[in-house]
Amino acid sequence: MDPIRKFSLWFAAAIKERPGDWYDPTAMTLATSTTDGQVSARMVLLKSFGPDGFTFFTNYKSKKGLQLLENPRAALVFYWPYLMRQIRIEGRIERVTYDESERYFHSRPRLSQIAAAVSKQSEVIPSRHKLISDFTALRKKLNKQAVELPPHWGGYRLIPDMLEFWRNRRNRLHERERYRKKRDGRWVMEYLAP
């Protein structure tokens, strides 16, 4: 089976079986690193996926954005404990087009757009009060005008060269299937010991 198709089936099950509105199956760990090996990980939300890759959006000047600029490789982890399943994905990163970023930006709630325009993500700020003050000032300034896509904000796509599907099994004899993309673009599947 094609690993993107398998991901699609597992992702659909994660959405269908989610234990409640409080659990977001699109949440994924994104791991990035500098070229000298300083690793960082955080949760982000998957916004779309397909044969071309896995897309998320963020501030380009954030720590993750700066690391992706320096080292355009990353890893994603999806974990759905209620299904006892996990998917690891590794690959190279590219920015999505300006049009794709703009389209998604304007699909977000207006207040989220204003927050993205105001936030200097990952930078030290004087106080939360200053952040709220800047948010309120921009909201008032814009009144009912459209919020422009900030130049520091947009999407990334992880183009996978490896996906690993993990399923919990008894006696810790877990099931692990790894798909690796060969140079010719075909996927090869391998079983891994737990």
Protein backbone atom coordinates (compact mmCIF):
# COMPACT_ATOMS: atom_id res chain seq x y z
CA MET A 1 0.00 0.00 0.00
CA ASP A 2 1.16 3.54 -0.70
CA PRO A 3 2.19 5.15 2.63
CA ILE A 4 0.24 8.37 1.97
CA ARG A 5 -2.88 6.27 1.41
CA LYS A 6 -2.16 4.36 4.63
CA PHE A 7 -1.66 7.67 6.46
CA SER A 8 -5.02 8.84 5.09
CA LEU A 9 -6.78 5.75 6.48
CA TRP A 10 -5.16 6.05 9.90
CA PHE A 11 -5.83 9.80 10.00
CA ALA A 12 -9.51 9.25 9.14
CA ALA A 13 -9.76 6.70 11.97
CA ALA A 14 -8.08 9.16 14.37
CA ILE A 15 -10.68 11.80 13.52
CA LYS A 16 -13.64 9.41 13.66
CA GLU A 17 -12.61 7.78 16.95
CA ARG A 18 -11.32 10.84 18.79
CA PRO A 19 -12.37 10.75 22.44
CA GLY A 20 -13.88 14.26 22.46
CA ASP A 21 -13.62 17.81 21.16
CA TRP A 22 -10.75 18.43 23.58
CA TYR A 23 -8.46 16.13 21.56
CA ASP A 24 -7.14 17.44 18.25
CA PRO A 25 -6.00 14.58 15.97
CA THR A 26 -4.26 17.10 13.69
CA ALA A 27 -1.75 17.91 16.47
CA MET A 28 1.72 16.70 15.61
CA THR A 29 5.17 17.09 17.07
CA LEU A 30 7.51 18.95 14.74
CA ALA A 31 11.22 18.40 15.36
CA THR A 32 13.77 20.73 13.76
CA SER A 33 17.48 21.27 14.25
CA THR A 34 20.36 23.54 13.47
CA THR A 35 23.17 22.27 11.28
CA ASP A 36 25.31 21.72 14.40
CA GLY A 37 22.69 19.40 15.90
CA GLN A 38 20.76 21.61 18.34
CA VAL A 39 17.32 19.95 18.27
CA SER A 40 13.97 21.53 19.15
CA ALA A 41 10.47 20.02 19.18
CA ARG A 42 7.02 21.50 19.60
CA MET A 43 3.39 20.82 18.71
CA VAL A 44 1.89 22.28 15.52
CA LEU A 45 -1.28 21.51 13.58
CA LEU A 46 -1.46 19.65 10.29
CA LYS A 47 -3.51 21.69 7.83
CA SER A 48 -3.38 19.49 4.73
CA PHE A 49 -1.61 16.46 3.32
CA GLY A 50 -1.37 14.51 0.11
CA PRO A 51 1.17 12.98 -2.26
CA ASP A 52 3.03 16.31 -2.27
CA GLY A 53 3.55 16.29 1.52
CA PHE A 54 2.32 17.51 4.91
CA THR A 55 1.51 21.20 5.37
CA PHE A 56 1.55 23.43 8.45
CA PHE A 57 1.71 27.20 8.99
CA THR A 58 3.77 29.35 11.35
CA ASN A 59 5.87 32.45 11.82
CA TYR A 60 8.95 32.30 9.58
CA LYS A 61 10.98 34.23 12.18
CA SER A 62 10.15 31.84 15.02
CA LYS A 63 12.77 29.43 16.35
CA LYS A 64 11.36 26.66 14.14
CA GLY A 65 11.33 28.97 11.11
CA LEU A 66 14.94 29.98 11.65
CA GLN A 67 16.01 26.36 12.14
CA LEU A 68 14.16 25.31 8.98
CA LEU A 69 15.93 28.07 7.07
CA GLU A 70 19.30 26.81 8.33
CA ASN A 71 18.51 23.09 7.99
CA PRO A 72 15.51 22.33 5.74
CA ARG A 73 14.93 18.81 7.10
CA ALA A 74 12.45 17.92 9.83
CA ALA A 75 10.47 15.14 11.47
CA LEU A 76 6.80 14.86 12.43
CA VAL A 77 5.18 12.56 14.96
CA PHE A 78 1.47 11.85 15.25
CA TYR A 79 0.39 9.97 18.37
CA TRP A 80 -3.18 8.79 18.90
CA PRO A 81 -3.17 6.95 22.25
CA TYR A 82 -6.85 6.02 21.99
CA LEU A 83 -6.02 4.03 18.82
CA MET A 84 -2.66 2.88 20.22
CA ARG A 85 -1.03 4.12 17.01
CA GLN A 86 1.82 6.43 16.11
CA ILE A 87 3.21 7.67 12.80
CA ARG A 88 6.70 9.11 12.35
CA ILE A 89 7.53 11.06 9.20
CA GLU A 90 10.90 12.43 8.07
CA GLY A 91 11.74 14.53 5.05
CA ARG A 92 12.81 17.79 3.53
CA ILE A 93 11.00 21.07 4.03
CA GLU A 94 9.96 23.71 1.54
CA ARG A 95 7.85 26.83 1.89
CA VAL A 96 4.43 26.74 0.27
CA THR A 97 3.55 29.43 -2.28
CA TYR A 98 2.55 32.92 -1.23
CA ASP A 99 -0.94 32.30 -2.67
CA GLU A 100 -1.38 29.13 -0.61
CA SER A 101 -0.26 30.95 2.56
CA GLU A 102 -2.55 33.89 1.83
CA ARG A 103 -5.53 31.62 1.12
CA TYR A 104 -5.07 29.76 4.40
CA PHE A 105 -4.35 32.96 6.38
CA HIS A 106 -7.65 34.50 5.29
CA SER A 107 -9.57 31.32 6.13
CA ARG A 108 -8.58 31.74 9.80
CA PRO A 109 -10.74 33.66 12.30
CA ARG A 110 -10.10 37.40 12.09
CA LEU A 111 -8.71 37.62 15.63
CA SER A 112 -6.23 34.83 14.84
CA GLN A 113 -5.09 36.82 11.80
CA ILE A 114 -4.52 39.88 13.98
CA ALA A 115 -2.64 37.78 16.54
CA ALA A 116 -0.34 36.42 13.81
CA ALA A 117 0.33 39.95 12.55
CA VAL A 118 1.20 41.20 16.04
CA SER A 119 3.16 38.29 17.48
CA LYS A 120 6.94 38.26 17.20
CA GLN A 121 6.90 34.54 17.94
CA SER A 122 9.78 33.19 20.05
CA GLU A 123 11.18 36.67 20.76
CA VAL A 124 11.49 37.97 24.33
CA ILE A 125 8.75 40.54 25.05
CA PRO A 126 8.48 42.97 27.98
CA SER A 127 5.22 41.49 29.29
CA ARG A 128 1.97 39.80 28.36
CA HIS A 129 0.34 43.19 28.91
CA LYS A 130 2.45 44.64 26.05
CA LEU A 131 1.36 41.80 23.74
CA ILE A 132 -2.33 42.38 24.55
CA SER A 133 -1.86 46.14 24.16
CA ASP A 134 -0.30 45.69 20.68
CA PHE A 135 -3.10 43.28 19.71
CA THR A 136 -5.79 45.71 20.86
CA ALA A 137 -4.12 48.64 19.08
CA LEU A 138 -3.89 46.78 15.75
CA ARG A 139 -7.48 45.54 16.06
CA LYS A 140 -8.65 49.12 16.61
CA LYS A 141 -6.46 50.50 13.81
CA LEU A 142 -7.73 47.98 11.27
CA ASN A 143 -11.36 48.47 12.34
CA LYS A 144 -13.12 46.47 9.60
CA GLN A 145 -10.30 46.46 7.06
CA ALA A 146 -8.85 43.16 5.88
CA VAL A 147 -5.78 41.93 7.71
CA GLU A 148 -2.87 41.64 5.28
CA LEU A 149 -0.80 38.49 5.28
CA PRO A 150 2.29 39.42 7.31
CA PRO A 151 5.56 38.89 5.40
CA HIS A 152 6.88 36.85 8.35
CA TRP A 153 4.03 34.31 8.29
CA GLY A 154 3.22 31.39 6.01
CA GLY A 155 3.29 27.69 5.32
CA TYR A 156 5.77 24.88 5.09
CA ARG A 157 5.41 21.50 3.47
CA LEU A 158 7.34 18.45 4.63
CA ILE A 159 8.02 16.23 1.63
CA PRO A 160 8.47 12.77 3.11
CA ASP A 161 11.20 10.31 2.33
CA MET A 162 10.31 8.06 5.30
CA LEU A 163 7.09 7.15 7.10
CA GLU A 164 6.91 4.67 9.95
CA PHE A 165 3.60 3.25 11.18
CA TRP A 166 3.63 1.91 14.75
CA ARG A 167 0.79 -0.08 16.30
CA ASN A 168 0.72 -1.30 19.89
CA ARG A 169 0.66 -5.07 20.32
CA ARG A 170 0.68 -7.43 23.33
CA ASN A 171 3.88 -8.29 25.16
CA ARG A 172 5.54 -5.21 23.64
CA LEU A 173 5.84 -7.03 20.31
CA HIS A 174 4.66 -3.87 18.58
CA GLU A 175 4.06 -3.72 14.85
CA ARG A 176 6.36 -1.36 12.93
CA GLU A 177 6.23 -0.80 9.18
CA ARG A 178 8.69 1.61 7.60
CA TYR A 179 8.29 3.04 4.11
CA ARG A 180 11.40 4.53 2.49
CA LYS A 181 11.37 6.44 -0.77
CA LYS A 182 13.92 5.19 -3.26
CA ARG A 183 15.81 7.45 -5.69
CA ASP A 184 13.41 6.46 -8.48
CA GLY A 185 10.44 7.73 -6.41
CA ARG A 186 9.06 4.31 -5.51
CA TRP A 187 8.34 3.37 -1.91
CA VAL A 188 9.82 0.26 -0.30
CA MET A 189 8.17 -1.18 2.84
CA GLU A 190 10.16 -2.91 5.57
CA TYR A 191 9.11 -4.52 8.85
CA LEU A 192 11.12 -3.34 11.85
CA ALA A 193 11.65 -5.17 15.13
CA PRO A 194 9.97 -3.41 18.04
